[in-house]
């Protein structure tokens, strides 16, 4: 069963998608876990998610883990599909709960109420591709399970 979940092709495109998504998401995870890059750390993020956004505690923890451990997993290609599932769920939730109301475009000029969902949709699309196809070339998943 695990070998089937880890199976992936020796595909350089999947490697590029995996690295891109992991590198882009990881700093957000480090904000939420360690307070780096101007973040509020685990307790601050957990408090915001539960008290301000009304998320259940377990969901708040899963969001934090998806953006930190999930992103690390994507970068090294370990449990790629699980990491991609986590990132996809977080991005879908961010679109639905926060960014949809602000429209499509990011707020580059500061003239919108908040950030739109274009970034989140792009990350969601990449995550879904990785969820379907796996980690590709140079992934730990491929080293464990083999592939075509």
C-alpha atoms as a PDB file:
ATOM      1  CA  UNK A   1       0.000   0.000   0.000  1.00  0.00           C
ATOM      2  CA  UNK A   2       2.724   2.494   1.000  1.00  0.00           C
ATOM      3  CA  UNK A   3       4.782   1.720  -2.080  1.00  0.00           C
ATOM      4  CA  UNK A   4       1.766   2.517  -4.242  1.00  0.00           C
ATOM      5  CA  UNK A   5       1.255   5.845  -2.440  1.00  0.00           C
ATOM      6  CA  UNK A   6       4.925   6.726  -2.898  1.00  0.00           C
ATOM      7  CA  UNK A   7       5.214   5.545  -6.521  1.00  0.00           C
ATOM      8  CA  UNK A   8       6.184   8.265  -8.969  1.00  0.00           C
ATOM      9  CA  UNK A   9       7.862   8.652 -12.342  1.00  0.00           C
ATOM     10  CA  UNK A  10      11.378   9.945 -12.922  1.00  0.00           C
ATOM     11  CA  UNK A  11       9.988  13.267 -14.125  1.00  0.00           C
ATOM     12  CA  UNK A  12      11.974  16.507 -13.913  1.00  0.00           C
ATOM     13  CA  UNK A  13       8.807  18.613 -14.294  1.00  0.00           C
ATOM     14  CA  UNK A  14       7.406  17.125 -11.078  1.00  0.00           C
ATOM     15  CA  UNK A  15      10.712  17.930  -9.380  1.00  0.00           C
ATOM     16  CA  UNK A  16      10.426  21.559 -10.503  1.00  0.00           C
ATOM     17  CA  UNK A  17       6.802  21.822  -9.358  1.00  0.00           C
ATOM     18  CA  UNK A  18       7.612  20.174  -6.025  1.00  0.00           C
ATOM     19  CA  UNK A  19      10.594  22.422  -5.313  1.00  0.00           C
ATOM     20  CA  UNK A  20       8.752  25.562  -6.391  1.00  0.00           C
ATOM     21  CA  UNK A  21       5.721  24.891  -4.218  1.00  0.00           C
ATOM     22  CA  UNK A  22       7.772  23.761  -1.232  1.00  0.00           C
ATOM     23  CA  UNK A  23      10.126  26.745  -1.377  1.00  0.00           C
ATOM     24  CA  UNK A  24       7.227  29.198  -1.702  1.00  0.00           C
ATOM     25  CA  UNK A  25       5.131  27.657   1.097  1.00  0.00           C
ATOM     26  CA  UNK A  26       7.933  26.930   3.611  1.00  0.00           C
ATOM     27  CA  UNK A  27       8.544  30.564   4.678  1.00  0.00           C
ATOM     28  CA  UNK A  28       4.840  30.833   5.527  1.00  0.00           C
ATOM     29  CA  UNK A  29       5.165  27.682   7.602  1.00  0.00           C
ATOM     30  CA  UNK A  30       8.241  29.072   9.356  1.00  0.00           C
ATOM     31  CA  UNK A  31       6.271  32.207  10.196  1.00  0.00           C
ATOM     32  CA  UNK A  32       3.598  30.052  11.767  1.00  0.00           C
ATOM     33  CA  UNK A  33       5.876  27.615  13.614  1.00  0.00           C
ATOM     34  CA  UNK A  34       8.984  29.573  14.604  1.00  0.00           C
ATOM     35  CA  UNK A  35       7.970  33.206  14.201  1.00  0.00           C
ATOM     36  CA  UNK A  36      10.541  33.772  11.451  1.00  0.00           C
ATOM     37  CA  UNK A  37      10.061  36.343   8.674  1.00  0.00           C
ATOM     38  CA  UNK A  38       7.852  38.527  10.865  1.00  0.00           C
ATOM     39  CA  UNK A  39       5.512  35.705  11.859  1.00  0.00           C
ATOM     40  CA  UNK A  40       3.858  35.150  15.226  1.00  0.00           C
ATOM     41  CA  UNK A  41       5.102  31.627  15.931  1.00  0.00           C
ATOM     42  CA  UNK A  42       3.045  28.607  16.848  1.00  0.00           C
ATOM     43  CA  UNK A  43       1.155  29.994  19.832  1.00  0.00           C
ATOM     44  CA  UNK A  44       0.359  33.321  18.174  1.00  0.00           C
ATOM     45  CA  UNK A  45      -0.800  31.658  14.972  1.00  0.00           C
ATOM     46  CA  UNK A  46      -2.800  29.039  16.853  1.00  0.00           C
ATOM     47  CA  UNK A  47      -4.485  31.761  18.890  1.00  0.00           C
ATOM     48  CA  UNK A  48      -5.337  33.776  15.784  1.00  0.00           C
ATOM     49  CA  UNK A  49      -6.734  30.756  13.952  1.00  0.00           C
ATOM     50  CA  UNK A  50      -8.866  29.608  16.878  1.00  0.00           C
ATOM     51  CA  UNK A  51      -9.943  32.877  18.523  1.00  0.00           C
ATOM     52  CA  UNK A  52     -10.160  35.260  15.563  1.00  0.00           C
ATOM     53  CA  UNK A  53     -10.963  32.943  12.653  1.00  0.00           C
ATOM     54  CA  UNK A  54     -12.952  30.425  14.684  1.00  0.00           C
ATOM     55  CA  UNK A  55     -11.113  27.348  13.433  1.00  0.00           C
ATOM     56  CA  UNK A  56     -11.184  24.249  15.623  1.00  0.00           C
ATOM     57  CA  UNK A  57      -7.861  23.659  17.375  1.00  0.00           C
ATOM     58  CA  UNK A  58      -7.129  20.480  15.430  1.00  0.00           C
ATOM     59  CA  UNK A  59      -7.663  22.288  12.119  1.00  0.00           C
ATOM     60  CA  UNK A  60      -5.366  25.117  13.234  1.00  0.00           C
ATOM     61  CA  UNK A  61      -2.622  22.608  14.044  1.00  0.00           C
ATOM     62  CA  UNK A  62      -3.100  20.839  10.701  1.00  0.00           C
ATOM     63  CA  UNK A  63      -2.793  24.146   8.814  1.00  0.00           C
ATOM     64  CA  UNK A  64       0.443  24.956  10.642  1.00  0.00           C
ATOM     65  CA  UNK A  65       1.820  21.453   9.985  1.00  0.00           C
ATOM     66  CA  UNK A  66       0.819  21.521   6.303  1.00  0.00           C
ATOM     67  CA  UNK A  67       2.676  24.772   5.690  1.00  0.00           C
ATOM     68  CA  UNK A  68       5.780  23.709   7.629  1.00  0.00           C
ATOM     69  CA  UNK A  69       6.320  19.939   7.591  1.00  0.00           C
ATOM     70  CA  UNK A  70       4.293  19.550   4.394  1.00  0.00           C
ATOM     71  CA  UNK A  71       6.470  22.111   2.629  1.00  0.00           C
ATOM     72  CA  UNK A  72       9.654  20.439   3.884  1.00  0.00           C
ATOM     73  CA  UNK A  73       8.325  17.114   2.634  1.00  0.00           C
ATOM     74  CA  UNK A  74       7.690  18.651  -0.769  1.00  0.00           C
ATOM     75  CA  UNK A  75      11.209  20.062  -0.969  1.00  0.00           C
ATOM     76  CA  UNK A  76      12.871  16.703  -0.272  1.00  0.00           C
ATOM     77  CA  UNK A  77      10.162  14.652  -1.955  1.00  0.00           C
ATOM     78  CA  UNK A  78       9.145  12.667   1.130  1.00  0.00           C
ATOM     79  CA  UNK A  79       5.448  11.808   1.443  1.00  0.00           C
ATOM     80  CA  UNK A  80       4.901  14.180  -1.453  1.00  0.00           C
ATOM     81  CA  UNK A  81       1.253  13.334  -1.942  1.00  0.00           C
ATOM     82  CA  UNK A  82       0.475  13.863   1.749  1.00  0.00           C
ATOM     83  CA  UNK A  83       2.278  17.215   1.761  1.00  0.00           C
ATOM     84  CA  UNK A  84       0.521  18.229  -1.448  1.00  0.00           C
ATOM     85  CA  UNK A  85      -2.843  17.228   0.020  1.00  0.00           C
ATOM     86  CA  UNK A  86      -2.164  19.394   3.064  1.00  0.00           C
ATOM     87  CA  UNK A  87      -1.111  22.396   1.002  1.00  0.00           C
ATOM     88  CA  UNK A  88      -4.095  21.951  -1.340  1.00  0.00           C
ATOM     89  CA  UNK A  89      -6.486  21.864   1.612  1.00  0.00           C
ATOM     90  CA  UNK A  90      -4.913  24.968   3.161  1.00  0.00           C
ATOM     91  CA  UNK A  91      -5.058  26.887  -0.119  1.00  0.00           C
ATOM     92  CA  UNK A  92      -8.675  25.871  -0.762  1.00  0.00           C
ATOM     93  CA  UNK A  93      -9.561  26.932   2.776  1.00  0.00           C
ATOM     94  CA  UNK A  94      -7.721  30.240   2.400  1.00  0.00           C
ATOM     95  CA  UNK A  95      -9.591  30.980  -0.819  1.00  0.00           C
ATOM     96  CA  UNK A  96     -12.979  30.090   0.644  1.00  0.00           C
ATOM     97  CA  UNK A  97     -12.594  31.681   4.075  1.00  0.00           C
ATOM     98  CA  UNK A  98     -10.447  34.747   3.444  1.00  0.00           C
ATOM     99  CA  UNK A  99      -9.445  35.702  -0.074  1.00  0.00           C
ATOM    100  CA  UNK A 100     -12.496  35.036  -2.277  1.00  0.00           C
ATOM    101  CA  UNK A 101     -14.229  38.164  -0.989  1.00  0.00           C
ATOM    102  CA  UNK A 102     -11.268  40.281  -2.133  1.00  0.00           C
ATOM    103  CA  UNK A 103     -11.495  39.205  -5.759  1.00  0.00           C
ATOM    104  CA  UNK A 104      -8.963  37.519  -7.990  1.00  0.00           C
ATOM    105  CA  UNK A 105      -5.989  39.880  -8.024  1.00  0.00           C
ATOM    106  CA  UNK A 106      -3.323  40.317  -5.378  1.00  0.00           C
ATOM    107  CA  UNK A 107      -3.262  43.734  -3.757  1.00  0.00           C
ATOM    108  CA  UNK A 108      -0.062  45.030  -5.367  1.00  0.00           C
ATOM    109  CA  UNK A 109      -1.058  48.697  -5.219  1.00  0.00           C
ATOM    110  CA  UNK A 110      -2.784  48.599  -1.839  1.00  0.00           C
ATOM    111  CA  UNK A 111      -6.097  49.794  -3.248  1.00  0.00           C
ATOM    112  CA  UNK A 112      -8.148  46.690  -2.381  1.00  0.00           C
ATOM    113  CA  UNK A 113      -9.650  45.640   0.927  1.00  0.00           C
ATOM    114  CA  UNK A 114      -7.255  42.665   1.061  1.00  0.00           C
ATOM    115  CA  UNK A 115      -5.357  40.131  -1.004  1.00  0.00           C
ATOM    116  CA  UNK A 116      -7.161  38.307  -3.803  1.00  0.00           C
ATOM    117  CA  UNK A 117      -6.907  34.582  -4.413  1.00  0.00           C
ATOM    118  CA  UNK A 118      -4.692  34.307  -7.518  1.00  0.00           C
ATOM    119  CA  UNK A 119      -1.621  33.123  -5.540  1.00  0.00           C
ATOM    120  CA  UNK A 120      -3.673  30.577  -3.611  1.00  0.00           C
ATOM    121  CA  UNK A 121      -5.282  29.231  -6.780  1.00  0.00           C
ATOM    122  CA  UNK A 122      -1.867  28.806  -8.400  1.00  0.00           C
ATOM    123  CA  UNK A 123      -0.514  26.968  -5.339  1.00  0.00           C
ATOM    124  CA  UNK A 124      -3.666  24.829  -5.230  1.00  0.00           C
ATOM    125  CA  UNK A 125      -3.224  23.820  -8.875  1.00  0.00           C
ATOM    126  CA  UNK A 126       0.414  22.833  -8.364  1.00  0.00           C
ATOM    127  CA  UNK A 127      -0.486  20.897  -5.216  1.00  0.00           C
ATOM    128  CA  UNK A 128      -3.236  18.969  -7.017  1.00  0.00           C
ATOM    129  CA  UNK A 129      -0.812  18.052  -9.825  1.00  0.00           C
ATOM    130  CA  UNK A 130       1.656  16.702  -7.242  1.00  0.00           C
ATOM    131  CA  UNK A 131      -1.122  14.894  -5.407  1.00  0.00           C
ATOM    132  CA  UNK A 132      -2.022  13.087  -8.629  1.00  0.00           C
ATOM    133  CA  UNK A 133       1.476  12.411 -10.018  1.00  0.00           C
ATOM    134  CA  UNK A 134       3.764  12.292  -6.963  1.00  0.00           C
ATOM    135  CA  UNK A 135       7.180  13.817  -6.348  1.00  0.00           C
ATOM    136  CA  UNK A 136       8.993  12.883  -9.539  1.00  0.00           C
ATOM    137  CA  UNK A 137      12.743  12.847 -10.048  1.00  0.00           C
ATOM    138  CA  UNK A 138      15.159  13.051  -7.127  1.00  0.00           C
ATOM    139  CA  UNK A 139      12.445  12.401  -4.550  1.00  0.00           C
ATOM    140  CA  UNK A 140      12.793  10.249  -1.453  1.00  0.00           C
ATOM    141  CA  UNK A 141       9.438   8.723  -2.408  1.00  0.00           C
ATOM    142  CA  UNK A 142      10.931   7.452  -5.666  1.00  0.00           C
ATOM    143  CA  UNK A 143      14.011   6.104  -3.884  1.00  0.00           C
ATOM    144  CA  UNK A 144      11.789   4.135  -1.482  1.00  0.00           C
ATOM    145  CA  UNK A 145       9.131   2.887  -3.884  1.00  0.00           C
ATOM    146  CA  UNK A 146      10.854   2.902  -7.230  1.00  0.00           C
ATOM    147  CA  UNK A 147       9.006   3.920 -10.352  1.00  0.00           C
ATOM    148  CA  UNK A 148       9.024   3.991 -14.123  1.00  0.00           C
END
